[in-house]
Amino acid sequence: MIAYSIYDQTVQVKNQSLGCLVGAVLYHCQGDEVSTFWILVSLIENYEMRSFFQKGLPGVALYGEVLYSLMDVHCR
């Protein structure tokens, strides 16, 4: 996670969600830290996940509102 924080300084390293994501990817990469790093870069850059790990967690709030709106429309 420290290497990623140097690579992308907009992401909070102390974010617990990021740690869980890194741990899961590292587990599936069988401890290969280099592959884990580049998979993390790909996830954050290609799937627009950066906002989930920035200060204030703006992505969580945004997608929470989208989910709430979709549920309100489709679950009535």
PDB file of N, CA and C in Angstrom:
ATOM      1  N   MET A   1       0.816  -1.184   0.000  1.00  0.00           N
ATOM      2  CA  MET A   1       0.000   0.000   0.000  1.00  0.00           C
ATOM      3  C   MET A   1       0.866   1.256   0.000  1.00  0.00           C
ATOM      4  N   ILE A   2       2.013   1.202   0.615  1.00  0.00           N
ATOM      5  CA  ILE A   2       2.900   2.374   0.627  1.00  0.00           C
ATOM      6  C   ILE A   2       3.389   2.665  -0.781  1.00  0.00           C
ATOM      7  N   ALA A   3       3.736   1.622  -1.532  1.00  0.00           N
ATOM      8  CA  ALA A   3       4.182   1.819  -2.913  1.00  0.00           C
ATOM      9  C   ALA A   3       3.078   2.474  -3.735  1.00  0.00           C
ATOM     10  N   TYR A   4       1.834   2.053  -3.515  1.00  0.00           N
ATOM     11  CA  TYR A   4       0.746   2.651  -4.265  1.00  0.00           C
ATOM     12  C   TYR A   4       0.539   4.104  -3.872  1.00  0.00           C
ATOM     13  N   SER A   5       0.720   4.423  -2.608  1.00  0.00           N
ATOM     14  CA  SER A   5       0.543   5.813  -2.165  1.00  0.00           C
ATOM     15  C   SER A   5       1.585   6.738  -2.784  1.00  0.00           C
ATOM     16  N   ILE A   6       2.744   6.201  -3.106  1.00  0.00           N
ATOM     17  CA  ILE A   6       3.770   6.982  -3.802  1.00  0.00           C
ATOM     18  C   ILE A   6       3.371   7.133  -5.274  1.00  0.00           C
ATOM     19  N   TYR A   7       2.832   6.075  -5.833  1.00  0.00           N
ATOM     20  CA  TYR A   7       2.394   6.075  -7.235  1.00  0.00           C
ATOM     21  C   TYR A   7       1.214   7.024  -7.447  1.00  0.00           C
ATOM     22  N   ASP A   8       0.250   7.015  -6.523  1.00  0.00           N
ATOM     23  CA  ASP A   8      -0.959   7.838  -6.638  1.00  0.00           C
ATOM     24  C   ASP A   8      -1.214   8.524  -5.297  1.00  0.00           C
ATOM     25  N   GLN A   9      -0.816   9.769  -5.200  1.00  0.00           N
ATOM     26  CA  GLN A   9      -0.885  10.476  -3.926  1.00  0.00           C
ATOM     27  C   GLN A   9      -2.275  10.981  -3.579  1.00  0.00           C
ATOM     28  N   THR A  10      -3.277  10.750  -4.449  1.00  0.00           N
ATOM     29  CA  THR A  10      -4.642  11.170  -4.137  1.00  0.00           C
ATOM     30  C   THR A  10      -5.386  10.123  -3.304  1.00  0.00           C
ATOM     31  N   VAL A  11      -4.806   8.934  -3.182  1.00  0.00           N
ATOM     32  CA  VAL A  11      -5.453   7.844  -2.461  1.00  0.00           C
ATOM     33  C   VAL A  11      -4.901   7.775  -1.036  1.00  0.00           C
ATOM     34  N   GLN A  12      -5.810   7.570  -0.070  1.00  0.00           N
ATOM     35  CA  GLN A  12      -5.409   7.451   1.328  1.00  0.00           C
ATOM     36  C   GLN A  12      -4.909   6.045   1.602  1.00  0.00           C
ATOM     37  N   VAL A  13      -3.690   5.933   2.113  1.00  0.00           N
ATOM     38  CA  VAL A  13      -3.106   4.630   2.413  1.00  0.00           C
ATOM     39  C   VAL A  13      -3.746   4.027   3.657  1.00  0.00           C
ATOM     40  N   LYS A  14      -4.178   4.847   4.590  1.00  0.00           N
ATOM     41  CA  LYS A  14      -4.716   4.343   5.852  1.00  0.00           C
ATOM     42  C   LYS A  14      -6.163   3.869   5.721  1.00  0.00           C
ATOM     43  N   ASN A  15      -6.716   3.947   4.541  1.00  0.00           N
ATOM     44  CA  ASN A  15      -8.091   3.522   4.303  1.00  0.00           C
ATOM     45  C   ASN A  15      -8.191   2.012   4.479  1.00  0.00           C
ATOM     46  N   GLN A  16      -9.060   1.563   5.384  1.00  0.00           N
ATOM     47  CA  GLN A  16      -9.188   0.132   5.664  1.00  0.00           C
ATOM     48  C   GLN A  16      -9.724  -0.642   4.472  1.00  0.00           C
ATOM     49  N   SER A  17     -10.576  -0.029   3.692  1.00  0.00           N
ATOM     50  CA  SER A  17     -11.117  -0.704   2.514  1.00  0.00           C
ATOM     51  C   SER A  17     -10.014  -1.023   1.509  1.00  0.00           C
ATOM     52  N   LEU A  18      -9.086  -0.101   1.360  1.00  0.00           N
ATOM     53  CA  LEU A  18      -7.965  -0.332   0.451  1.00  0.00           C
ATOM     54  C   LEU A  18      -7.127  -1.504   0.953  1.00  0.00           C
ATOM     55  N   GLY A  19      -6.920  -1.572   2.254  1.00  0.00           N
ATOM     56  CA  GLY A  19      -6.163  -2.678   2.843  1.00  0.00           C
ATOM     57  C   GLY A  19      -6.826  -4.023   2.600  1.00  0.00           C
ATOM     58  N   CYS A  20      -8.155  -4.052   2.698  1.00  0.00           N
ATOM     59  CA  CYS A  20      -8.898  -5.289   2.428  1.00  0.00           C
ATOM     60  C   CYS A  20      -8.755  -5.698   0.969  1.00  0.00           C
ATOM     61  N   LEU A  21      -8.835  -4.730   0.074  1.00  0.00           N
ATOM     62  CA  LEU A  21      -8.694  -5.002  -1.350  1.00  0.00           C
ATOM     63  C   LEU A  21      -7.294  -5.526  -1.656  1.00  0.00           C
ATOM     64  N   VAL A  22      -6.285  -4.855  -1.118  1.00  0.00           N
ATOM     65  CA  VAL A  22      -4.901  -5.276  -1.340  1.00  0.00           C
ATOM     66  C   VAL A  22      -4.687  -6.684  -0.782  1.00  0.00           C
ATOM     67  N   GLY A  23      -5.208  -6.944   0.404  1.00  0.00           N
ATOM     68  CA  GLY A  23      -5.054  -8.264   1.013  1.00  0.00           C
ATOM     69  C   GLY A  23      -5.676  -9.371   0.175  1.00  0.00           C
ATOM     70  N   ALA A  24      -6.866  -9.111  -0.355  1.00  0.00           N
ATOM     71  CA  ALA A  24      -7.538 -10.112  -1.183  1.00  0.00           C
ATOM     72  C   ALA A  24      -6.769 -10.377  -2.478  1.00  0.00           C
ATOM     73  N   VAL A  25      -6.304  -9.310  -3.105  1.00  0.00           N
ATOM     74  CA  VAL A  25      -5.549  -9.479  -4.355  1.00  0.00           C
ATOM     75  C   VAL A  25      -4.223 -10.183  -4.084  1.00  0.00           C
ATOM     76  N   LEU A  26      -3.552  -9.801  -3.004  1.00  0.00           N
ATOM     77  CA  LEU A  26      -2.280 -10.429  -2.640  1.00  0.00           C
ATOM     78  C   LEU A  26      -2.466 -11.924  -2.376  1.00  0.00           C
ATOM     79  N   TYR A  27      -3.546 -12.273  -1.710  1.00  0.00           N
ATOM     80  CA  TYR A  27      -3.842 -13.679  -1.445  1.00  0.00           C
ATOM     81  C   TYR A  27      -3.994 -14.447  -2.756  1.00  0.00           C
ATOM     82  N   HIS A  28      -4.765 -13.902  -3.681  1.00  0.00           N
ATOM     83  CA  HIS A  28      -5.014 -14.592  -4.942  1.00  0.00           C
ATOM     84  C   HIS A  28      -3.803 -14.587  -5.863  1.00  0.00           C
ATOM     85  N   CYS A  29      -2.885 -13.657  -5.631  1.00  0.00           N
ATOM     86  CA  CYS A  29      -1.623 -13.639  -6.395  1.00  0.00           C
ATOM     87  C   CYS A  29      -0.548 -14.467  -5.697  1.00  0.00           C
ATOM     88  N   GLN A  30      -0.944 -15.197  -4.676  1.00  0.00           N
ATOM     89  CA  GLN A  30      -0.048 -16.082  -3.926  1.00  0.00           C
ATOM     90  C   GLN A  30       1.194 -15.355  -3.422  1.00  0.00           C
ATOM     91  N   GLY A  31       0.981 -14.139  -2.918  1.00  0.00           N
ATOM     92  CA  GLY A  31       2.067 -13.379  -2.310  1.00  0.00           C
ATOM     93  C   GLY A  31       2.937 -12.603  -3.278  1.00  0.00           C
ATOM     94  N   ASP A  32       2.622 -12.611  -4.552  1.00  0.00           N
ATOM     95  CA  ASP A  32       3.412 -11.881  -5.549  1.00  0.00           C
ATOM     96  C   ASP A  32       3.054 -10.391  -5.467  1.00  0.00           C
ATOM     97  N   GLU A  33       3.913  -9.629  -4.806  1.00  0.00           N
ATOM     98  CA  GLU A  33       3.632  -8.224  -4.556  1.00  0.00           C
ATOM     99  C   GLU A  33       3.643  -7.372  -5.823  1.00  0.00           C
ATOM    100  N   VAL A  34       4.471  -7.699  -6.772  1.00  0.00           N
ATOM    101  CA  VAL A  34       4.538  -6.928  -8.016  1.00  0.00           C
ATOM    102  C   VAL A  34       3.235  -7.075  -8.797  1.00  0.00           C
ATOM    103  N   SER A  35       2.750  -8.302  -8.929  1.00  0.00           N
ATOM    104  CA  SER A  35       1.468  -8.517  -9.622  1.00  0.00           C
ATOM    105  C   SER A  35       0.333  -7.843  -8.869  1.00  0.00           C
ATOM    106  N   THR A  36       0.360  -7.929  -7.556  1.00  0.00           N
ATOM    107  CA  THR A  36      -0.674  -7.295  -6.735  1.00  0.00           C
ATOM    108  C   THR A  36      -0.698  -5.792  -6.977  1.00  0.00           C
ATOM    109  N   PHE A  37       0.466  -5.166  -7.009  1.00  0.00           N
ATOM    110  CA  PHE A  37       0.559  -3.729  -7.242  1.00  0.00           C
ATOM    111  C   PHE A  37      -0.075  -3.352  -8.577  1.00  0.00           C
ATOM    112  N   TRP A  38       0.282  -4.063  -9.635  1.00  0.00           N
ATOM    113  CA  TRP A  38      -0.212  -3.689 -10.960  1.00  0.00           C
ATOM    114  C   TRP A  38      -1.691  -4.023 -11.140  1.00  0.00           C
ATOM    115  N   ILE A  39      -2.178  -5.039 -10.477  1.00  0.00           N
ATOM    116  CA  ILE A  39      -3.618  -5.308 -10.490  1.00  0.00           C
ATOM    117  C   ILE A  39      -4.351  -4.189  -9.764  1.00  0.00           C
ATOM    118  N   LEU A  40      -3.813  -3.732  -8.639  1.00  0.00           N
ATOM    119  CA  LEU A  40      -4.411  -2.619  -7.903  1.00  0.00           C
ATOM    120  C   LEU A  40      -4.444  -1.353  -8.768  1.00  0.00           C
ATOM    121  N   VAL A  41      -3.352  -1.069  -9.447  1.00  0.00           N
ATOM    122  CA  VAL A  41      -3.302   0.084 -10.359  1.00  0.00           C
ATOM    123  C   VAL A  41      -4.392  -0.058 -11.422  1.00  0.00           C
ATOM    124  N   SER A  42      -4.514  -1.225 -12.005  1.00  0.00           N
ATOM    125  CA  SER A  42      -5.512  -1.459 -13.046  1.00  0.00           C
ATOM    126  C   SER A  42      -6.931  -1.287 -12.509  1.00  0.00           C
ATOM    127  N   LEU A  43      -7.207  -1.840 -11.345  1.00  0.00           N
ATOM    128  CA  LEU A  43      -8.543  -1.708 -10.754  1.00  0.00           C
ATOM    129  C   LEU A  43      -8.903  -0.248 -10.515  1.00  0.00           C
ATOM    130  N   ILE A  44      -7.993   0.489  -9.935  1.00  0.00           N
ATOM    131  CA  ILE A  44      -8.282   1.878  -9.581  1.00  0.00           C
ATOM    132  C   ILE A  44      -8.374   2.765 -10.818  1.00  0.00           C
ATOM    133  N   GLU A  45      -7.500   2.554 -11.786  1.00  0.00           N
ATOM    134  CA  GLU A  45      -7.487   3.417 -12.966  1.00  0.00           C
ATOM    135  C   GLU A  45      -8.520   3.025 -14.021  1.00  0.00           C
ATOM    136  N   ASN A  46      -8.710   1.745 -14.259  1.00  0.00           N
ATOM    137  CA  ASN A  46      -9.593   1.305 -15.344  1.00  0.00           C
ATOM    138  C   ASN A  46     -11.050   1.150 -14.930  1.00  0.00           C
ATOM    139  N   TYR A  47     -11.303   0.987 -13.647  1.00  0.00           N
ATOM    140  CA  TYR A  47     -12.670   0.782 -13.176  1.00  0.00           C
ATOM    141  C   TYR A  47     -13.152   1.922 -12.282  1.00  0.00           C
ATOM    142  N   GLU A  48     -12.488   3.054 -12.391  1.00  0.00           N
ATOM    143  CA  GLU A  48     -12.883   4.284 -11.702  1.00  0.00           C
ATOM    144  C   GLU A  48     -13.115   4.079 -10.200  1.00  0.00           C
ATOM    145  N   MET A  49     -12.205   3.366  -9.552  1.00  0.00           N
ATOM    146  CA  MET A  49     -12.348   3.092  -8.126  1.00  0.00           C
ATOM    147  C   MET A  49     -11.616   4.104  -7.248  1.00  0.00           C
ATOM    148  N   ARG A  50     -10.891   5.036  -7.842  1.00  0.00           N
ATOM    149  CA  ARG A  50     -10.088   5.984  -7.067  1.00  0.00           C
ATOM    150  C   ARG A  50     -10.930   6.725  -6.034  1.00  0.00           C
ATOM    151  N   SER A  51     -12.131   7.134  -6.406  1.00  0.00           N
ATOM    152  CA  SER A  51     -12.962   7.922  -5.497  1.00  0.00           C
ATOM    153  C   SER A  51     -13.414   7.131  -4.270  1.00  0.00           C
ATOM    154  N   PHE A  52     -13.324   5.817  -4.323  1.00  0.00           N
ATOM    155  CA  PHE A  52     -13.669   5.002  -3.159  1.00  0.00           C
ATOM    156  C   PHE A  52     -12.607   5.108  -2.063  1.00  0.00           C
ATOM    157  N   PHE A  53     -11.415   5.511  -2.421  1.00  0.00           N
ATOM    158  CA  PHE A  53     -10.299   5.504  -1.484  1.00  0.00           C
ATOM    159  C   PHE A  53      -9.721   6.886  -1.210  1.00  0.00           C
ATOM    160  N   GLN A  54     -10.363   7.933  -1.712  1.00  0.00           N
ATOM    161  CA  GLN A  54      -9.892   9.291  -1.456  1.00  0.00           C
ATOM    162  C   GLN A  54     -10.462   9.812  -0.137  1.00  0.00           C
ATOM    163  N   LYS A  55      -9.877  10.888   0.346  1.00  0.00           N
ATOM    164  CA  LYS A  55     -10.327  11.481   1.602  1.00  0.00           C
ATOM    165  C   LYS A  55     -11.810  11.834   1.520  1.00  0.00           C
ATOM    166  N   GLY A  56     -12.557  11.421   2.511  1.00  0.00           N
ATOM    167  CA  GLY A  56     -13.989  11.678   2.545  1.00  0.00           C
ATOM    168  C   GLY A  56     -14.818  10.633   1.821  1.00  0.00           C
ATOM    169  N   LEU A  57     -14.165   9.691   1.159  1.00  0.00           N
ATOM    170  CA  LEU A  57     -14.817   8.591   0.438  1.00  0.00           C
ATOM    171  C   LEU A  57     -15.941   9.056  -0.498  1.00  0.00           C
ATOM    172  N   PRO A  58     -15.651   9.995  -1.408  1.00  0.00           N
ATOM    173  CA  PRO A  58     -16.712  10.523  -2.263  1.00  0.00           C
ATOM    174  C   PRO A  58     -17.370   9.470  -3.153  1.00  0.00           C
ATOM    175  N   GLY A  59     -16.639   8.464  -3.552  1.00  0.00           N
ATOM    176  CA  GLY A  59     -17.215   7.419  -4.399  1.00  0.00           C
ATOM    177  C   GLY A  59     -18.250   6.598  -3.668  1.00  0.00           C
ATOM    178  N   VAL A  60     -18.016   6.350  -2.396  1.00  0.00           N
ATOM    179  CA  VAL A  60     -18.972   5.583  -1.604  1.00  0.00           C
ATOM    180  C   VAL A  60     -20.284   6.354  -1.491  1.00  0.00           C
ATOM    181  N   ALA A  61     -20.187   7.651  -1.229  1.00  0.00           N
ATOM    182  CA  ALA A  61     -21.394   8.482  -1.123  1.00  0.00           C
ATOM    183  C   ALA A  61     -22.134   8.537  -2.458  1.00  0.00           C
ATOM    184  N   LEU A  62     -21.410   8.735  -3.545  1.00  0.00           N
ATOM    185  CA  LEU A  62     -22.033   8.821  -4.868  1.00  0.00           C
ATOM    186  C   LEU A  62     -22.745   7.528  -5.231  1.00  0.00           C
ATOM    187  N   TYR A  63     -22.043   6.407  -5.136  1.00  0.00           N
ATOM    188  CA  TYR A  63     -22.651   5.137  -5.517  1.00  0.00           C
ATOM    189  C   TYR A  63     -23.742   4.718  -4.540  1.00  0.00           C
ATOM    190  N   GLY A  64     -23.652   5.152  -3.300  1.00  0.00           N
ATOM    191  CA  GLY A  64     -24.726   4.920  -2.341  1.00  0.00           C
ATOM    192  C   GLY A  64     -25.994   5.631  -2.759  1.00  0.00           C
ATOM    193  N   GLU A  65     -25.858   6.865  -3.216  1.00  0.00           N
ATOM    194  CA  GLU A  65     -27.017   7.627  -3.698  1.00  0.00           C
ATOM    195  C   GLU A  65     -27.611   6.997  -4.957  1.00  0.00           C
ATOM    196  N   VAL A  66     -26.751   6.540  -5.852  1.00  0.00           N
ATOM    197  CA  VAL A  66     -27.231   5.888  -7.075  1.00  0.00           C
ATOM    198  C   VAL A  66     -27.995   4.615  -6.713  1.00  0.00           C
ATOM    199  N   LEU A  67     -27.431   3.817  -5.819  1.00  0.00           N
ATOM    200  CA  LEU A  67     -28.097   2.588  -5.394  1.00  0.00           C
ATOM    201  C   LEU A  67     -29.438   2.892  -4.741  1.00  0.00           C
ATOM    202  N   TYR A  68     -29.472   3.883  -3.878  1.00  0.00           N
ATOM    203  CA  TYR A  68     -30.714   4.263  -3.205  1.00  0.00           C
ATOM    204  C   TYR A  68     -31.771   4.680  -4.239  1.00  0.00           C
ATOM    205  N   SER A  69     -31.369   5.468  -5.222  1.00  0.00           N
ATOM    206  CA  SER A  69     -32.308   5.914  -6.257  1.00  0.00           C
ATOM    207  C   SER A  69     -32.832   4.747  -7.082  1.00  0.00           C
ATOM    208  N   LEU A  70     -31.949   3.839  -7.442  1.00  0.00           N
ATOM    209  CA  LEU A  70     -32.378   2.663  -8.219  1.00  0.00           C
ATOM    210  C   LEU A  70     -33.336   1.794  -7.415  1.00  0.00           C
ATOM    211  N   MET A  71     -33.050   1.607  -6.149  1.00  0.00           N
ATOM    212  CA  MET A  71     -33.929   0.806  -5.298  1.00  0.00           C
ATOM    213  C   MET A  71     -35.276   1.495  -5.137  1.00  0.00           C
ATOM    214  N   ASP A  72     -35.261   2.811  -5.012  1.00  0.00           N
ATOM    215  CA  ASP A  72     -36.501   3.562  -4.860  1.00  0.00           C
ATOM    216  C   ASP A  72     -37.385   3.419  -6.089  1.00  0.00           C
ATOM    217  N   VAL A  73     -36.780   3.420  -7.263  1.00  0.00           N
ATOM    218  CA  VAL A  73     -37.534   3.299  -8.516  1.00  0.00           C
ATOM    219  C   VAL A  73     -38.026   1.865  -8.744  1.00  0.00           C
ATOM    220  N   HIS A  74     -37.172   0.891  -8.482  1.00  0.00           N
ATOM    221  CA  HIS A  74     -37.478  -0.497  -8.876  1.00  0.00           C
ATOM    222  C   HIS A  74     -38.079  -1.352  -7.763  1.00  0.00           C
ATOM    223  N   CYS A  75     -38.082  -0.886  -6.550  1.00  0.00           N
ATOM    224  CA  CYS A  75     -38.586  -1.710  -5.441  1.00  0.00           C
ATOM    225  C   CYS A  75     -39.887  -1.177  -4.862  1.00  0.00           C
ATOM    226  N   ARG A  76     -40.624  -0.442  -5.619  1.00  0.00           N
ATOM    227  CA  ARG A  76     -41.899   0.105  -5.122  1.00  0.00           C
ATOM    228  C   ARG A  76     -43.009  -0.848  -5.377  1.00  0.00           C
TER     229      ARG A  76
END
